[in-house]
C-alpha cells in the first residue's frame, strides 16, 4: 500500500503539489499503458487532437472514459489514489470528478502554457486534487512545472491554449496569469523527473505548465473532489462538459450523482 507522510501532507498544503513515487506498480503501469493505446485508437466523443501547423508533433486528449475502459476503472477504484487524496485534502470522503488521458507525441514543440485547472470546470471548493500519472519516463525537460504556493485561493483568468484568448469569464473577472517565465526570481518553480507509475498530485488552483516533448509522453489524470466541492454550472462549455447535468444537480449542491462516484470513505 502506498501512503503519504505528514511531511508530504504539509508540503502539499503549503505548495499545492507533491510528488508520489511508485503510486502504481509495474503491472498496473502495463495495463494502463495498454488502455491508453486502445483509447487513442478508440476515442470517445470528447477526444480531441490539437497542434500548430508548424509543429511536427501533436497533442491528443480524451475525457471521462472510466465507465467504458476497465483498466481506467481499476486504477481509479482499486489503487491508493482515494486514500492518498483523503489524507492530502483533509477530507473523509473522496469522489471521482473525471479521468483525463493526455498524450504528447514525439517532437511536440508546443508548450502547455501556465494555467490553473479549476476555472475551466463546473465546480467550486478547495478540497480537490489532480493526480497526473505518466506511463512513459518523463525527463526534467518534459515534466510538469508548478508555481509553489499558487493554490492560495486566487483565481486567474482562463484562456484558450492555442490562441490565449479569454472566451469564458468576462475580461477583468480575475487577475491575469503572472509572467512566470519573465520573472524567474519572483516565483519558486517545482518539478520532478518521473518514472512510469510515479505521480504528481496537485491542487486545481496550482499554476502549472509544461514544455514540449522530444519523446512520447502518455499520461493519465484522475481528478477527485472532497467534501466541500459544490456544483457550479457555467454558461459555456466546460472542460469536460457534462451534458444535461445542470438539469439534474442544482447550483451549490454536492456532486452527489452517478457520474461522480465515491471512491474512498475514511473508516
C-alpha atoms as a PDB file:
ATOM      1  CA  UNK A   1       0.000   0.000   0.000  1.00  0.00           C
ATOM      2  CA  UNK A   2       1.269   3.467  -0.938  1.00  0.00           C
ATOM      3  CA  UNK A   3       0.682   6.236   1.567  1.00  0.00           C
ATOM      4  CA  UNK A   4       1.768   9.770   2.345  1.00  0.00           C
ATOM      5  CA  UNK A   5       3.638  11.110   5.336  1.00  0.00           C
ATOM      6  CA  UNK A   6       2.820  14.146   7.454  1.00  0.00           C
ATOM      7  CA  UNK A   7       5.674  15.908   5.653  1.00  0.00           C
ATOM      8  CA  UNK A   8       4.016  15.102   2.313  1.00  0.00           C
ATOM      9  CA  UNK A   9       0.689  16.479   3.540  1.00  0.00           C
ATOM     10  CA  UNK A  10       2.280  19.684   4.838  1.00  0.00           C
ATOM     11  CA  UNK A  11       4.258  20.075   1.601  1.00  0.00           C
ATOM     12  CA  UNK A  12       1.079  19.705  -0.465  1.00  0.00           C
ATOM     13  CA  UNK A  13      -0.898  22.145   1.670  1.00  0.00           C
ATOM     14  CA  UNK A  14       1.886  24.726   1.522  1.00  0.00           C
ATOM     15  CA  UNK A  15       2.914  24.397  -2.135  1.00  0.00           C
ATOM     16  CA  UNK A  16      -0.164  22.993  -3.866  1.00  0.00           C
ATOM     17  CA  UNK A  17       1.672  19.965  -5.251  1.00  0.00           C
ATOM     18  CA  UNK A  18       3.593  16.912  -4.078  1.00  0.00           C
ATOM     19  CA  UNK A  19       5.343  14.043  -5.849  1.00  0.00           C
ATOM     20  CA  UNK A  20       4.279  10.479  -5.046  1.00  0.00           C
ATOM     21  CA  UNK A  21       6.749   7.783  -6.033  1.00  0.00           C
ATOM     22  CA  UNK A  22       5.581   4.344  -7.156  1.00  0.00           C
ATOM     23  CA  UNK A  23       1.886   5.122  -6.948  1.00  0.00           C
ATOM     24  CA  UNK A  24       1.319   2.318  -9.463  1.00  0.00           C
ATOM     25  CA  UNK A  25       3.251  -0.938  -9.645  1.00  0.00           C
ATOM     26  CA  UNK A  26       4.700  -2.403 -12.842  1.00  0.00           C
ATOM     27  CA  UNK A  27       1.605  -4.480 -13.652  1.00  0.00           C
ATOM     28  CA  UNK A  28      -0.702  -1.508 -13.171  1.00  0.00           C
ATOM     29  CA  UNK A  29       1.516   0.629 -15.396  1.00  0.00           C
ATOM     30  CA  UNK A  30       1.489  -2.009 -18.143  1.00  0.00           C
ATOM     31  CA  UNK A  31      -2.305  -2.351 -18.023  1.00  0.00           C
ATOM     32  CA  UNK A  32      -2.745   1.416 -18.020  1.00  0.00           C
ATOM     33  CA  UNK A  33      -0.376   1.892 -20.975  1.00  0.00           C
ATOM     34  CA  UNK A  34      -2.285  -0.697 -22.995  1.00  0.00           C
ATOM     35  CA  UNK A  35      -5.555   1.016 -22.118  1.00  0.00           C
ATOM     36  CA  UNK A  36      -4.233   4.415 -23.196  1.00  0.00           C
ATOM     37  CA  UNK A  37      -3.127   2.998 -26.537  1.00  0.00           C
ATOM     38  CA  UNK A  38      -6.578   1.453 -27.005  1.00  0.00           C
ATOM     39  CA  UNK A  39      -8.165   4.778 -26.075  1.00  0.00           C
ATOM     40  CA  UNK A  40      -6.081   6.574 -28.711  1.00  0.00           C
ATOM     41  CA  UNK A  41      -7.421   4.207 -31.377  1.00  0.00           C
ATOM     42  CA  UNK A  42     -10.954   4.330 -29.958  1.00  0.00           C
ATOM     43  CA  UNK A  43     -11.597   7.878 -28.745  1.00  0.00           C
ATOM     44  CA  UNK A  44     -14.842   8.942 -27.135  1.00  0.00           C
ATOM     45  CA  UNK A  45     -16.896  11.874 -28.422  1.00  0.00           C
ATOM     46  CA  UNK A  46     -14.805  14.066 -26.099  1.00  0.00           C
ATOM     47  CA  UNK A  47     -11.461  13.041 -27.639  1.00  0.00           C
ATOM     48  CA  UNK A  48      -9.611  15.784 -29.473  1.00  0.00           C
ATOM     49  CA  UNK A  49      -6.278  16.482 -31.163  1.00  0.00           C
ATOM     50  CA  UNK A  50      -4.505  19.825 -31.103  1.00  0.00           C
ATOM     51  CA  UNK A  51      -1.361  21.071 -32.803  1.00  0.00           C
ATOM     52  CA  UNK A  52       0.034  24.113 -34.568  1.00  0.00           C
ATOM     53  CA  UNK A  53       0.536  23.850 -38.319  1.00  0.00           C
ATOM     54  CA  UNK A  54       4.286  24.334 -37.798  1.00  0.00           C
ATOM     55  CA  UNK A  55       4.524  21.721 -35.042  1.00  0.00           C
ATOM     56  CA  UNK A  56       5.740  18.291 -36.222  1.00  0.00           C
ATOM     57  CA  UNK A  57       4.190  16.602 -33.182  1.00  0.00           C
ATOM     58  CA  UNK A  58       0.685  16.550 -31.806  1.00  0.00           C
ATOM     59  CA  UNK A  59      -1.237  16.568 -28.557  1.00  0.00           C
ATOM     60  CA  UNK A  60      -4.188  14.226 -28.002  1.00  0.00           C
ATOM     61  CA  UNK A  61      -6.561  14.076 -25.049  1.00  0.00           C
ATOM     62  CA  UNK A  62      -9.762  12.324 -24.047  1.00  0.00           C
ATOM     63  CA  UNK A  63     -12.032  12.572 -21.026  1.00  0.00           C
ATOM     64  CA  UNK A  64     -14.491  10.582 -18.906  1.00  0.00           C
ATOM     65  CA  UNK A  65     -13.750   7.051 -20.063  1.00  0.00           C
ATOM     66  CA  UNK A  66     -13.812   5.215 -16.716  1.00  0.00           C
ATOM     67  CA  UNK A  67     -17.175   3.623 -17.455  1.00  0.00           C
ATOM     68  CA  UNK A  68     -16.070   2.083 -20.772  1.00  0.00           C
ATOM     69  CA  UNK A  69     -12.388   1.236 -20.147  1.00  0.00           C
ATOM     70  CA  UNK A  70     -11.919  -1.358 -17.365  1.00  0.00           C
ATOM     71  CA  UNK A  71      -8.229  -0.563 -16.770  1.00  0.00           C
ATOM     72  CA  UNK A  72      -9.068   3.076 -16.063  1.00  0.00           C
ATOM     73  CA  UNK A  73     -11.765   1.972 -13.628  1.00  0.00           C
ATOM     74  CA  UNK A  74      -9.329  -0.328 -11.814  1.00  0.00           C
ATOM     75  CA  UNK A  75      -6.787   2.471 -11.372  1.00  0.00           C
ATOM     76  CA  UNK A  76      -9.441   4.816 -10.006  1.00  0.00           C
ATOM     77  CA  UNK A  77     -11.174   2.387  -7.644  1.00  0.00           C
ATOM     78  CA  UNK A  78      -8.525  -0.206  -6.742  1.00  0.00           C
ATOM     79  CA  UNK A  79      -5.327   1.841  -6.369  1.00  0.00           C
ATOM     80  CA  UNK A  80      -4.358   4.013  -3.391  1.00  0.00           C
ATOM     81  CA  UNK A  81      -5.481   7.222  -5.114  1.00  0.00           C
ATOM     82  CA  UNK A  82      -8.570   7.603  -2.919  1.00  0.00           C
ATOM     83  CA  UNK A  83      -6.838   7.164   0.424  1.00  0.00           C
ATOM     84  CA  UNK A  84      -3.926   9.401  -0.578  1.00  0.00           C
ATOM     85  CA  UNK A  85      -6.316  12.113  -1.737  1.00  0.00           C
ATOM     86  CA  UNK A  86      -8.241  11.946   1.539  1.00  0.00           C
ATOM     87  CA  UNK A  87      -5.034  12.467   3.513  1.00  0.00           C
ATOM     88  CA  UNK A  88      -3.756  15.311   1.347  1.00  0.00           C
ATOM     89  CA  UNK A  89      -7.097  17.160   1.222  1.00  0.00           C
ATOM     90  CA  UNK A  90      -8.127  16.502   4.814  1.00  0.00           C
ATOM     91  CA  UNK A  91     -11.439  15.067   3.636  1.00  0.00           C
ATOM     92  CA  UNK A  92     -13.149  11.929   4.932  1.00  0.00           C
ATOM     93  CA  UNK A  93     -14.897  11.378   1.587  1.00  0.00           C
ATOM     94  CA  UNK A  94     -13.364  11.357  -1.887  1.00  0.00           C
ATOM     95  CA  UNK A  95     -15.406  11.449  -5.094  1.00  0.00           C
ATOM     96  CA  UNK A  96     -14.233  10.995  -8.641  1.00  0.00           C
ATOM     97  CA  UNK A  97     -14.590  14.142 -10.741  1.00  0.00           C
ATOM     98  CA  UNK A  98     -13.289  12.764 -14.029  1.00  0.00           C
ATOM     99  CA  UNK A  99     -10.469  10.941 -15.756  1.00  0.00           C
ATOM    100  CA  UNK A 100      -8.329  12.588 -18.430  1.00  0.00           C
ATOM    101  CA  UNK A 101      -5.931  10.870 -20.815  1.00  0.00           C
ATOM    102  CA  UNK A 102      -3.177  13.030 -22.334  1.00  0.00           C
ATOM    103  CA  UNK A 103      -0.577  12.169 -24.964  1.00  0.00           C
ATOM    104  CA  UNK A 104       2.222  14.322 -26.362  1.00  0.00           C
ATOM    105  CA  UNK A 105       3.684  12.608 -29.389  1.00  0.00           C
ATOM    106  CA  UNK A 106       7.449  12.851 -30.111  1.00  0.00           C
ATOM    107  CA  UNK A 107       8.731  16.224 -31.349  1.00  0.00           C
ATOM    108  CA  UNK A 108       5.736  18.152 -29.991  1.00  0.00           C
ATOM    109  CA  UNK A 109       7.164  21.649 -29.651  1.00  0.00           C
ATOM    110  CA  UNK A 110       4.042  23.435 -28.456  1.00  0.00           C
ATOM    111  CA  UNK A 111       4.290  24.100 -24.712  1.00  0.00           C
ATOM    112  CA  UNK A 112       1.355  23.905 -22.338  1.00  0.00           C
ATOM    113  CA  UNK A 113       1.017  27.485 -21.043  1.00  0.00           C
ATOM    114  CA  UNK A 114       0.827  28.384 -17.369  1.00  0.00           C
ATOM    115  CA  UNK A 115      -2.723  27.872 -16.147  1.00  0.00           C
ATOM    116  CA  UNK A 116      -4.968  26.647 -13.355  1.00  0.00           C
ATOM    117  CA  UNK A 117      -7.467  23.831 -13.887  1.00  0.00           C
ATOM    118  CA  UNK A 118     -10.333  24.873 -11.627  1.00  0.00           C
ATOM    119  CA  UNK A 119     -11.581  27.871 -13.680  1.00  0.00           C
ATOM    120  CA  UNK A 120     -12.221  25.528 -16.634  1.00  0.00           C
ATOM    121  CA  UNK A 121     -14.507  23.290 -14.552  1.00  0.00           C
ATOM    122  CA  UNK A 122     -18.099  23.308 -13.295  1.00  0.00           C
ATOM    123  CA  UNK A 123     -17.172  23.019  -9.621  1.00  0.00           C
ATOM    124  CA  UNK A 124     -16.035  25.233  -6.767  1.00  0.00           C
ATOM    125  CA  UNK A 125     -14.334  24.420  -3.468  1.00  0.00           C
ATOM    126  CA  UNK A 126     -10.859  23.940  -2.052  1.00  0.00           C
ATOM    127  CA  UNK A 127     -10.785  20.180  -1.389  1.00  0.00           C
ATOM    128  CA  UNK A 128      -9.653  18.921  -4.760  1.00  0.00           C
ATOM    129  CA  UNK A 129      -6.683  17.119  -6.328  1.00  0.00           C
ATOM    130  CA  UNK A 130      -5.459  16.107  -9.768  1.00  0.00           C
ATOM    131  CA  UNK A 131      -3.221  13.048  -9.997  1.00  0.00           C
ATOM    132  CA  UNK A 132      -1.026  13.122 -13.130  1.00  0.00           C
ATOM    133  CA  UNK A 133       0.462   9.670 -13.750  1.00  0.00           C
ATOM    134  CA  UNK A 134       2.843   9.007 -16.669  1.00  0.00           C
ATOM    135  CA  UNK A 135       3.295   5.563 -18.196  1.00  0.00           C
ATOM    136  CA  UNK A 136       6.457   6.702 -20.024  1.00  0.00           C
ATOM    137  CA  UNK A 137       9.628   8.107 -18.428  1.00  0.00           C
ATOM    138  CA  UNK A 138       9.368  11.893 -18.123  1.00  0.00           C
ATOM    139  CA  UNK A 139      12.591  13.904 -18.131  1.00  0.00           C
ATOM    140  CA  UNK A 140      13.101  17.242 -16.422  1.00  0.00           C
ATOM    141  CA  UNK A 141      12.754  18.952 -19.808  1.00  0.00           C
ATOM    142  CA  UNK A 142       9.288  17.492 -20.464  1.00  0.00           C
ATOM    143  CA  UNK A 143       7.796  17.251 -16.979  1.00  0.00           C
ATOM    144  CA  UNK A 144       5.035  19.391 -15.481  1.00  0.00           C
ATOM    145  CA  UNK A 145       6.185  22.517 -13.670  1.00  0.00           C
ATOM    146  CA  UNK A 146       4.300  24.129 -10.781  1.00  0.00           C
ATOM    147  CA  UNK A 147       4.343  27.565  -9.152  1.00  0.00           C
ATOM    148  CA  UNK A 148       4.762  26.873  -5.452  1.00  0.00           C
ATOM    149  CA  UNK A 149       2.042  28.397  -3.272  1.00  0.00           C
ATOM    150  CA  UNK A 150      -0.259  29.412  -6.134  1.00  0.00           C
ATOM    151  CA  UNK A 151      -3.009  27.322  -4.504  1.00  0.00           C
ATOM    152  CA  UNK A 152      -3.693  30.237  -2.150  1.00  0.00           C
ATOM    153  CA  UNK A 153      -7.262  30.733  -3.388  1.00  0.00           C
ATOM    154  CA  UNK A 154      -6.542  33.245  -6.161  1.00  0.00           C
ATOM    155  CA  UNK A 155      -8.307  32.538  -9.465  1.00  0.00           C
ATOM    156  CA  UNK A 156      -6.534  33.581 -12.669  1.00  0.00           C
ATOM    157  CA  UNK A 157      -8.224  34.272 -15.984  1.00  0.00           C
ATOM    158  CA  UNK A 158      -8.543  31.049 -18.012  1.00  0.00           C
ATOM    159  CA  UNK A 159      -7.597  31.330 -21.689  1.00  0.00           C
ATOM    160  CA  UNK A 160      -7.508  29.080 -24.711  1.00  0.00           C
ATOM    161  CA  UNK A 161      -4.202  27.265 -25.042  1.00  0.00           C
ATOM    162  CA  UNK A 162      -3.634  27.843 -28.771  1.00  0.00           C
ATOM    163  CA  UNK A 163      -4.740  31.477 -29.129  1.00  0.00           C
ATOM    164  CA  UNK A 164      -4.531  32.591 -25.480  1.00  0.00           C
ATOM    165  CA  UNK A 165      -7.891  34.355 -25.735  1.00  0.00           C
ATOM    166  CA  UNK A 166     -10.274  34.755 -22.804  1.00  0.00           C
ATOM    167  CA  UNK A 167     -13.590  33.425 -24.065  1.00  0.00           C
ATOM    168  CA  UNK A 168     -15.199  32.250 -20.819  1.00  0.00           C
ATOM    169  CA  UNK A 169     -15.318  34.642 -17.874  1.00  0.00           C
ATOM    170  CA  UNK A 170     -15.673  38.338 -18.846  1.00  0.00           C
ATOM    171  CA  UNK A 171     -12.429  40.275 -19.154  1.00  0.00           C
ATOM    172  CA  UNK A 172     -11.418  41.623 -15.768  1.00  0.00           C
ATOM    173  CA  UNK A 173     -13.220  38.931 -13.762  1.00  0.00           C
ATOM    174  CA  UNK A 174      -9.945  37.555 -12.430  1.00  0.00           C
ATOM    175  CA  UNK A 175      -6.291  38.500 -12.270  1.00  0.00           C
ATOM    176  CA  UNK A 176      -4.119  37.821 -15.297  1.00  0.00           C
ATOM    177  CA  UNK A 177      -1.650  34.938 -15.003  1.00  0.00           C
ATOM    178  CA  UNK A 178       1.700  36.400 -13.878  1.00  0.00           C
ATOM    179  CA  UNK A 179       4.617  36.429 -16.312  1.00  0.00           C
ATOM    180  CA  UNK A 180       6.150  33.352 -14.711  1.00  0.00           C
ATOM    181  CA  UNK A 181       8.889  32.883 -17.324  1.00  0.00           C
ATOM    182  CA  UNK A 182       9.716  36.596 -17.462  1.00  0.00           C
ATOM    183  CA  UNK A 183      10.010  36.951 -13.678  1.00  0.00           C
ATOM    184  CA  UNK A 184      12.060  33.913 -12.669  1.00  0.00           C
ATOM    185  CA  UNK A 185      13.278  35.421  -9.427  1.00  0.00           C
ATOM    186  CA  UNK A 186       9.768  36.048  -8.117  1.00  0.00           C
ATOM    187  CA  UNK A 187       8.386  32.529  -8.376  1.00  0.00           C
ATOM    188  CA  UNK A 188       9.516  29.207  -6.945  1.00  0.00           C
ATOM    189  CA  UNK A 189       9.106  26.510  -9.584  1.00  0.00           C
ATOM    190  CA  UNK A 190       8.711  22.869  -8.526  1.00  0.00           C
ATOM    191  CA  UNK A 191       9.182  19.938 -10.893  1.00  0.00           C
ATOM    192  CA  UNK A 192      10.295  16.333 -10.783  1.00  0.00           C
ATOM    193  CA  UNK A 193      11.705  13.800 -13.184  1.00  0.00           C
ATOM    194  CA  UNK A 194       9.232  10.924 -13.177  1.00  0.00           C
ATOM    195  CA  UNK A 195       9.361   7.261 -13.997  1.00  0.00           C
ATOM    196  CA  UNK A 196       6.324   5.223 -15.082  1.00  0.00           C
ATOM    197  CA  UNK A 197       3.932   4.824 -12.161  1.00  0.00           C
ATOM    198  CA  UNK A 198       5.119   7.901 -10.280  1.00  0.00           C
ATOM    199  CA  UNK A 199       2.633  10.736  -9.912  1.00  0.00           C
ATOM    200  CA  UNK A 200       2.337  14.387  -9.093  1.00  0.00           C
ATOM    201  CA  UNK A 201      -0.712  15.313  -7.038  1.00  0.00           C
ATOM    202  CA  UNK A 202      -1.683  18.954  -7.317  1.00  0.00           C
ATOM    203  CA  UNK A 203      -4.430  21.350  -6.315  1.00  0.00           C
ATOM    204  CA  UNK A 204      -6.692  22.539  -9.138  1.00  0.00           C
ATOM    205  CA  UNK A 205      -5.701  26.157  -8.404  1.00  0.00           C
ATOM    206  CA  UNK A 206      -1.960  25.490  -8.600  1.00  0.00           C
ATOM    207  CA  UNK A 207      -0.478  27.211 -11.640  1.00  0.00           C
ATOM    208  CA  UNK A 208       1.271  24.682 -13.849  1.00  0.00           C
ATOM    209  CA  UNK A 209       2.599  24.264 -17.377  1.00  0.00           C
ATOM    210  CA  UNK A 210       4.949  22.137 -19.443  1.00  0.00           C
ATOM    211  CA  UNK A 211       7.360  22.487 -22.315  1.00  0.00           C
ATOM    212  CA  UNK A 212       7.257  20.413 -25.469  1.00  0.00           C
ATOM    213  CA  UNK A 213       8.421  16.807 -25.532  1.00  0.00           C
ATOM    214  CA  UNK A 214      11.083  15.129 -27.664  1.00  0.00           C
ATOM    215  CA  UNK A 215       9.828  11.683 -26.623  1.00  0.00           C
ATOM    216  CA  UNK A 216       6.360  10.211 -26.445  1.00  0.00           C
ATOM    217  CA  UNK A 217       4.654  11.201 -23.202  1.00  0.00           C
ATOM    218  CA  UNK A 218       1.492   9.300 -22.283  1.00  0.00           C
ATOM    219  CA  UNK A 219      -0.195  10.198 -19.021  1.00  0.00           C
ATOM    220  CA  UNK A 220      -3.414   9.505 -17.156  1.00  0.00           C
ATOM    221  CA  UNK A 221      -5.011  12.039 -14.829  1.00  0.00           C
ATOM    222  CA  UNK A 222      -7.518  11.251 -12.116  1.00  0.00           C
ATOM    223  CA  UNK A 223      -9.286  14.284 -10.717  1.00  0.00           C
ATOM    224  CA  UNK A 224     -11.030  13.952  -7.382  1.00  0.00           C
ATOM    225  CA  UNK A 225     -13.179  16.029  -5.059  1.00  0.00           C
ATOM    226  CA  UNK A 226     -13.529  16.343  -1.311  1.00  0.00           C
ATOM    227  CA  UNK A 227     -16.466  17.219   0.914  1.00  0.00           C
ATOM    228  CA  UNK A 228     -16.542  20.975   0.274  1.00  0.00           C
ATOM    229  CA  UNK A 229     -16.860  20.770  -3.523  1.00  0.00           C
ATOM    230  CA  UNK A 230     -20.125  22.145  -4.916  1.00  0.00           C
ATOM    231  CA  UNK A 231     -21.775  22.238  -8.332  1.00  0.00           C
ATOM    232  CA  UNK A 232     -21.101  25.495 -10.210  1.00  0.00           C
ATOM    233  CA  UNK A 233     -22.679  25.214 -13.686  1.00  0.00           C
ATOM    234  CA  UNK A 234     -21.358  27.667 -16.272  1.00  0.00           C
ATOM    235  CA  UNK A 235     -22.965  29.405 -19.219  1.00  0.00           C
ATOM    236  CA  UNK A 236     -20.325  27.959 -21.546  1.00  0.00           C
ATOM    237  CA  UNK A 237     -18.883  24.530 -22.296  1.00  0.00           C
ATOM    238  CA  UNK A 238     -16.601  23.381 -19.540  1.00  0.00           C
ATOM    239  CA  UNK A 239     -13.633  21.029 -19.917  1.00  0.00           C
ATOM    240  CA  UNK A 240     -15.068  18.448 -19.875  1.00  0.00           C
ATOM    241  CA  UNK A 241     -18.729  19.209 -20.446  1.00  0.00           C
ATOM    242  CA  UNK A 242     -21.265  17.087 -18.562  1.00  0.00           C
ATOM    243  CA  UNK A 243     -24.298  17.251 -20.841  1.00  0.00           C
ATOM    244  CA  UNK A 244     -27.595  17.734 -19.000  1.00  0.00           C
ATOM    245  CA  UNK A 245     -26.043  17.862 -15.529  1.00  0.00           C
ATOM    246  CA  UNK A 246     -27.431  21.315 -14.794  1.00  0.00           C
ATOM    247  CA  UNK A 247     -30.926  19.800 -15.108  1.00  0.00           C
ATOM    248  CA  UNK A 248     -30.123  17.103 -12.545  1.00  0.00           C
ATOM    249  CA  UNK A 249     -27.996  18.951  -9.964  1.00  0.00           C
ATOM    250  CA  UNK A 250     -28.912  22.351  -8.525  1.00  0.00           C
ATOM    251  CA  UNK A 251     -26.392  25.148  -8.178  1.00  0.00           C
ATOM    252  CA  UNK A 252     -24.381  24.904  -4.977  1.00  0.00           C
ATOM    253  CA  UNK A 253     -25.134  21.282  -4.057  1.00  0.00           C
ATOM    254  CA  UNK A 254     -22.686  18.439  -3.504  1.00  0.00           C
ATOM    255  CA  UNK A 255     -21.694  16.423  -6.575  1.00  0.00           C
ATOM    256  CA  UNK A 256     -23.883  13.516  -5.483  1.00  0.00           C
ATOM    257  CA  UNK A 257     -24.527  11.903  -8.859  1.00  0.00           C
ATOM    258  CA  UNK A 258     -23.672   8.576 -10.560  1.00  0.00           C
ATOM    259  CA  UNK A 259     -21.153  10.362 -12.787  1.00  0.00           C
ATOM    260  CA  UNK A 260     -19.143  11.207  -9.656  1.00  0.00           C
ATOM    261  CA  UNK A 261     -18.998   8.063  -7.517  1.00  0.00           C
ATOM    262  CA  UNK A 262     -17.428   7.945  -4.072  1.00  0.00           C
ATOM    263  CA  UNK A 263     -14.069   6.148  -4.379  1.00  0.00           C
ATOM    264  CA  UNK A 264     -12.971   6.370  -0.735  1.00  0.00           C
ATOM    265  CA  UNK A 265     -14.516   6.900   2.699  1.00  0.00           C
ATOM    266  CA  UNK A 266     -12.393   7.076   5.837  1.00  0.00           C
ATOM    267  CA  UNK A 267     -13.071   4.413   8.450  1.00  0.00           C
END
